[in-house]
N, C-alpha and C. Protein backbone atom coordinates (compact mmCIF):
# COMPACT_ATOMS: atom_id res chain seq x y z
N UNK A 1 82.77 106.66 88.65
CA UNK A 1 83.49 106.17 88.86
C UNK A 1 83.45 105.36 90.45
N UNK A 2 84.20 103.86 90.38
CA UNK A 2 83.62 102.70 91.46
C UNK A 2 84.36 103.22 92.61
N UNK A 3 84.36 103.18 93.83
CA UNK A 3 85.09 103.13 95.35
C UNK A 3 86.40 102.76 94.66
N UNK A 4 86.98 101.32 94.00
CA UNK A 4 87.58 100.59 93.69
C UNK A 4 88.35 102.18 92.58
N UNK A 5 88.31 101.85 91.53
CA UNK A 5 89.19 102.73 90.97
C UNK A 5 89.03 104.24 91.28
N UNK A 6 88.28 104.98 92.61
CA UNK A 6 89.11 105.53 93.62
C UNK A 6 90.31 105.64 94.77
N UNK A 7 89.87 104.00 95.64
CA UNK A 7 90.95 103.60 95.54
C UNK A 7 92.44 103.45 95.34
N UNK A 8 91.97 103.49 94.01
CA UNK A 8 93.36 102.92 93.40
C UNK A 8 93.89 104.26 92.63
N UNK A 9 93.57 105.26 92.53
CA UNK A 9 93.62 106.49 92.85
C UNK A 9 94.91 107.35 93.80
N UNK A 10 94.14 106.99 94.60
CA UNK A 10 94.34 107.01 96.04
C UNK A 10 95.74 106.89 96.76
N UNK A 11 96.11 105.56 96.15
CA UNK A 11 96.87 104.87 96.49
C UNK A 11 98.35 105.14 95.72
N UNK A 12 97.86 105.62 94.13
CA UNK A 12 98.77 106.03 93.18
C UNK A 12 99.38 107.08 93.97
N UNK A 13 98.34 108.28 94.10
CA UNK A 13 98.28 109.52 94.64
C UNK A 13 100.15 109.59 95.96
N UNK A 14 99.88 108.35 96.83
CA UNK A 14 100.47 108.37 97.90
C UNK A 14 101.41 107.50 97.09
N UNK A 15 101.71 106.44 96.46
CA UNK A 15 103.03 106.12 96.22
C UNK A 15 103.87 107.29 95.48
N UNK A 16 103.46 108.19 94.36
CA UNK A 16 104.57 109.54 93.96
C UNK A 16 104.20 110.75 94.93
N UNK A 17 104.01 110.19 95.79
CA UNK A 17 104.50 111.63 96.95
C UNK A 17 104.91 110.91 97.81
N UNK A 18 104.46 110.24 99.07
CA UNK A 18 105.86 109.90 99.72
C UNK A 18 106.60 109.17 98.62
N UNK A 19 106.68 108.53 98.16
CA UNK A 19 108.32 108.48 96.78
C UNK A 19 108.82 109.88 96.76
N UNK A 20 108.09 110.53 95.98
CA UNK A 20 108.78 111.87 95.36
C UNK A 20 109.31 112.65 96.92
N UNK A 21 108.52 112.82 98.22
CA UNK A 21 109.41 113.29 99.22
C UNK A 21 110.33 112.37 99.71
N UNK A 22 110.68 111.12 99.72
CA UNK A 22 111.80 110.11 100.24
C UNK A 22 112.67 110.17 99.29
N UNK A 23 112.70 110.07 97.81
CA UNK A 23 113.81 110.93 96.85
C UNK A 23 113.95 112.20 97.61
N UNK A 24 113.95 113.17 97.67
CA UNK A 24 114.36 114.59 98.15
C UNK A 24 115.26 114.24 99.34
N UNK A 25 114.46 113.76 100.07
CA UNK A 25 115.26 113.30 101.11
C UNK A 25 116.20 113.01 101.09
N UNK A 26 116.25 111.52 99.96
CA UNK A 26 117.29 110.81 100.06
C UNK A 26 118.61 111.41 99.69
N UNK A 27 118.21 112.57 98.54
CA UNK A 27 119.20 113.56 97.22
C UNK A 27 119.99 114.75 98.67
N UNK A 28 118.87 115.37 99.82
CA UNK A 28 119.52 116.15 100.75
C UNK A 28 120.14 115.91 101.74
N UNK A 29 119.66 114.80 102.39
CA UNK A 29 119.65 114.20 103.91
C UNK A 29 120.72 112.96 103.74
N UNK A 30 121.03 112.08 102.89
CA UNK A 30 121.53 111.24 102.47
C UNK A 30 122.90 111.23 101.35
N UNK A 31 122.65 112.58 100.94
CA UNK A 31 123.82 113.15 100.04
C UNK A 31 123.99 113.16 98.89
N UNK A 32 122.22 112.18 98.46
CA UNK A 32 122.74 111.19 96.60
C UNK A 32 122.62 112.23 95.66
N UNK A 33 122.20 113.56 95.71
CA UNK A 33 122.82 114.04 94.95
C UNK A 33 121.33 114.92 94.12
N UNK A 34 121.66 116.13 93.03
CA UNK A 34 120.31 116.27 92.03
C UNK A 34 119.76 115.16 91.93
N UNK A 35 119.78 114.34 91.23
CA UNK A 35 119.59 112.96 90.27
C UNK A 35 118.14 112.97 91.41
N UNK A 36 118.72 112.14 92.49
CA UNK A 36 117.71 112.01 93.48
C UNK A 36 116.74 113.27 93.24
N UNK A 37 117.00 114.13 93.30
CA UNK A 37 115.83 115.33 93.94
C UNK A 37 114.95 115.64 92.66
N UNK A 38 116.10 115.95 91.94
CA UNK A 38 114.84 115.72 90.05
C UNK A 38 114.15 115.04 90.27
N UNK A 39 114.29 113.63 90.42
CA UNK A 39 113.38 112.63 89.87
C UNK A 39 112.08 112.67 91.29
N UNK A 40 112.58 113.38 92.49
CA UNK A 40 111.67 113.12 93.68
C UNK A 40 110.78 114.62 93.34
N UNK A 41 111.00 115.53 92.77
CA UNK A 41 111.05 116.75 92.17
C UNK A 41 109.21 116.70 90.73
N UNK A 42 109.85 115.48 90.46
CA UNK A 42 109.12 114.78 89.39
C UNK A 42 108.06 113.79 89.50
N UNK A 43 107.92 113.05 90.37
CA UNK A 43 107.08 112.29 91.04
C UNK A 43 106.15 112.92 91.89
N UNK A 44 106.50 114.41 92.66
CA UNK A 44 105.86 115.17 93.49
C UNK A 44 105.06 115.78 92.62
N UNK A 45 105.51 116.41 91.26
CA UNK A 45 104.27 117.48 90.45
C UNK A 45 103.52 116.20 89.84
N UNK A 46 103.85 114.59 89.53
CA UNK A 46 102.69 113.77 88.71
C UNK A 46 101.47 113.36 90.08
N UNK A 47 102.18 113.09 91.41
CA UNK A 47 101.23 113.24 92.27
C UNK A 47 100.01 114.69 92.53
N UNK A 48 100.35 115.26 91.80
CA UNK A 48 99.51 116.55 91.69
C UNK A 48 98.74 116.50 90.93
N UNK A 49 99.45 116.02 89.90
CA UNK A 49 98.13 115.50 88.14
C UNK A 49 97.10 114.60 88.71
N UNK A 50 97.95 113.37 89.65
CA UNK A 50 97.31 112.02 89.51
C UNK A 50 96.02 112.38 90.58
N UNK A 51 95.76 113.71 91.35
CA UNK A 51 94.50 113.91 92.68
C UNK A 51 93.52 114.30 91.72
N UNK A 52 93.56 114.81 90.68
CA UNK A 52 92.88 115.67 89.72
C UNK A 52 91.72 114.80 89.78
N UNK A 53 92.54 113.79 89.48
CA UNK A 53 91.68 112.33 88.80
C UNK A 53 90.82 111.51 89.70
N UNK A 54 90.61 112.38 90.83
CA UNK A 54 89.57 111.71 91.84
C UNK A 54 88.02 112.35 91.52
N UNK A 55 86.93 111.97 91.29
CA UNK A 55 85.83 111.89 91.15
C UNK A 55 85.03 113.47 92.06
N UNK A 56 84.94 113.00 92.88
CA UNK A 56 84.25 114.60 93.81
C UNK A 56 85.65 115.48 92.88
N UNK A 57 84.55 116.96 92.94
CA UNK A 57 84.85 118.54 92.37
C UNK A 57 85.68 118.97 93.55
N UNK A 58 85.40 118.72 94.59
CA UNK A 58 86.00 119.07 95.85
C UNK A 58 87.71 119.67 96.47
N UNK A 59 88.25 120.81 95.73
CA UNK A 59 89.45 119.89 96.22
C UNK A 59 89.80 119.39 97.60
N UNK A 60 89.19 120.47 98.37
CA UNK A 60 89.21 120.36 99.91
C UNK A 60 88.69 118.75 100.44
N UNK A 61 87.41 118.45 99.54
CA UNK A 61 87.22 117.03 100.32
C UNK A 61 88.58 116.25 100.12
N UNK A 62 88.36 116.01 99.15
CA UNK A 62 89.63 115.35 97.86
C UNK A 62 91.08 115.30 99.14
N UNK A 63 91.53 117.02 98.98
CA UNK A 63 93.18 116.80 99.52
C UNK A 63 92.89 116.02 101.65
N UNK A 64 91.78 116.20 101.42
CA UNK A 64 91.19 116.24 103.57
C UNK A 64 91.41 114.23 103.61
N UNK A 65 90.64 114.00 102.34
CA UNK A 65 91.19 112.62 102.27
C UNK A 65 92.11 112.09 102.47
N UNK A 66 92.78 112.51 101.53
CA UNK A 66 93.86 111.97 100.93
C UNK A 66 94.86 112.06 101.97
N UNK A 67 94.84 112.56 102.76
CA UNK A 67 95.27 113.12 104.07
C UNK A 67 95.71 111.62 105.54
N UNK A 68 94.49 111.36 105.68
CA UNK A 68 94.83 109.62 105.62
C UNK A 68 95.24 108.73 105.12
N UNK A 69 95.28 108.62 104.18
CA UNK A 69 95.69 107.74 102.97
C UNK A 69 97.13 107.88 102.87
N UNK A 70 97.74 109.67 103.49
CA UNK A 70 99.02 109.52 103.33
C UNK A 70 99.67 109.04 104.75
N UNK A 71 98.61 109.05 105.35
CA UNK A 71 99.12 108.72 106.68
C UNK A 71 99.32 107.73 107.06
N UNK A 72 98.75 106.32 106.37
CA UNK A 72 98.58 105.40 106.61
C UNK A 72 100.26 104.82 105.42
N UNK A 73 100.28 105.28 104.42
CA UNK A 73 100.88 105.26 103.36
C UNK A 73 102.42 105.29 103.83
N UNK A 74 102.77 106.09 104.72
CA UNK A 74 103.58 106.84 105.03
C UNK A 74 104.31 105.40 106.14
N UNK A 75 103.62 105.20 106.34
CA UNK A 75 103.20 103.91 108.15
C UNK A 75 104.12 102.80 107.38
N UNK A 76 103.82 102.33 105.67
CA UNK A 76 103.84 101.21 105.16
C UNK A 76 105.23 101.31 103.61
N UNK A 77 104.84 102.41 103.66
CA UNK A 77 106.80 102.91 102.88
C UNK A 77 107.55 103.06 103.89
N UNK A 78 107.66 103.46 105.07
CA UNK A 78 108.80 102.95 106.65
C UNK A 78 109.32 101.64 106.43
N UNK A 79 107.74 100.91 106.86
CA UNK A 79 107.75 99.36 106.42
C UNK A 79 109.03 99.15 105.48
N UNK A 80 108.20 99.29 104.46
CA UNK A 80 109.17 98.20 103.00
C UNK A 80 110.54 99.55 102.72
N UNK A 81 110.32 100.40 102.74
CA UNK A 81 111.76 100.60 102.06
C UNK A 81 112.65 101.03 103.31
N UNK A 82 112.20 101.27 104.55
CA UNK A 82 113.46 102.13 105.81
C UNK A 82 113.31 101.22 107.23
N UNK A 83 112.50 100.24 107.10
CA UNK A 83 112.61 98.70 108.35
C UNK A 83 111.88 99.14 109.53
N UNK A 84 111.28 100.48 109.11
CA UNK A 84 111.06 101.36 110.27
C UNK A 84 109.40 99.63 110.64
N UNK A 85 109.32 99.96 111.88
CA UNK A 85 107.91 98.89 112.36
C UNK A 85 107.20 99.96 113.28
N UNK A 86 106.36 99.91 113.00
CA UNK A 86 105.34 101.17 113.67
C UNK A 86 104.83 100.05 115.23
N UNK A 87 104.00 100.96 116.40
CA UNK A 87 103.42 100.24 117.08
C UNK A 87 102.12 100.06 117.37
N UNK A 88 101.30 99.57 118.05
CA UNK A 88 100.30 99.36 118.13
C UNK A 88 99.62 101.09 118.13
N UNK A 89 100.53 101.91 118.35
CA UNK A 89 99.51 103.33 118.34
C UNK A 89 100.23 103.71 117.20
N UNK A 90 100.57 103.67 116.55
CA UNK A 90 100.75 104.22 115.08
C UNK A 90 100.10 103.08 114.17
N UNK A 91 99.53 102.23 114.21
CA UNK A 91 98.21 101.41 113.88
C UNK A 91 97.12 101.75 113.79
N UNK A 92 96.62 102.36 114.94
CA UNK A 92 95.65 102.49 115.37
C UNK A 92 95.55 103.85 114.95
N UNK A 93 95.76 104.57 115.27
CA UNK A 93 95.95 105.80 114.23
C UNK A 93 96.23 105.60 112.74
N UNK A 94 96.68 105.24 112.29
CA UNK A 94 95.67 104.66 110.78
C UNK A 94 95.19 104.33 110.13
N UNK A 95 94.64 103.33 111.14
CA UNK A 95 93.42 103.00 111.44
C UNK A 95 92.34 104.15 111.33
N UNK A 96 92.45 104.74 112.02
CA UNK A 96 91.35 105.53 112.65
C UNK A 96 91.54 106.84 111.53
N UNK A 97 92.80 107.21 110.58
CA UNK A 97 92.60 108.11 109.61
C UNK A 97 92.08 107.26 108.07
N UNK A 98 92.33 105.94 108.05
CA UNK A 98 92.03 105.19 107.65
C UNK A 98 89.99 105.30 107.07
N UNK A 99 89.57 105.24 108.05
CA UNK A 99 88.09 105.46 108.24
C UNK A 99 87.71 106.96 108.46
N UNK A 100 88.52 107.81 108.87
CA UNK A 100 88.44 109.20 108.41
C UNK A 100 87.70 109.66 106.24
N UNK A 101 88.75 108.64 106.26
CA UNK A 101 88.95 108.72 104.47
C UNK A 101 87.87 107.59 104.01
N UNK A 102 87.28 106.51 104.67
CA UNK A 102 85.94 106.53 103.93
C UNK A 102 84.51 107.32 104.73
N UNK A 103 84.64 107.90 105.55
CA UNK A 103 83.65 108.65 105.62
C UNK A 103 83.39 109.54 104.72
N UNK A 104 84.84 110.61 104.59
CA UNK A 104 85.22 112.06 104.22
C UNK A 104 84.23 111.56 102.34
N UNK A 105 85.23 110.55 101.70
CA UNK A 105 84.66 110.31 100.51
C UNK A 105 83.56 109.51 99.87
N UNK A 106 83.45 108.47 101.55
CA UNK A 106 82.20 107.08 100.05
C UNK A 106 81.17 107.33 101.18
N UNK A 107 80.56 107.98 102.14
CA UNK A 107 79.42 108.20 103.43
C UNK A 107 78.85 109.10 101.30
N UNK A 108 77.31 108.02 102.37
CA UNK A 108 76.06 108.25 101.28
C UNK A 108 75.82 109.56 101.60
N UNK A 109 76.01 110.40 100.60
CA UNK A 109 75.76 112.36 100.26
C UNK A 109 74.21 112.28 100.13
N UNK A 110 73.18 112.75 101.06
CA UNK A 110 71.84 114.02 100.33
C UNK A 110 71.74 114.56 99.51
N UNK A 111 71.30 114.49 98.52
CA UNK A 111 70.92 115.44 97.15
C UNK A 111 71.10 116.67 97.16
């Protein structure tokens, strides 16, 4: 599997997990109701499935790397959906996390 396909799977997983959590948040905190919460639960379940499509068979490695995607994706989601404006420390932190993703997932490994 190519790095590009793996990265695309991470982005899809982030959309599902962050979007699902946002839908649950909207249902509970913004009182939008059970339909929003139900849609969120379905999206969160789909996230769990998408994560299994990564090429590496090590659950811990995939979820550790995904954590960096989640951090950067959450900030991006907040910008697009909620009008959040990250400060320079948010951006630097997200870049550090993405560097960690690259090291964990894509660094050359000896046999």
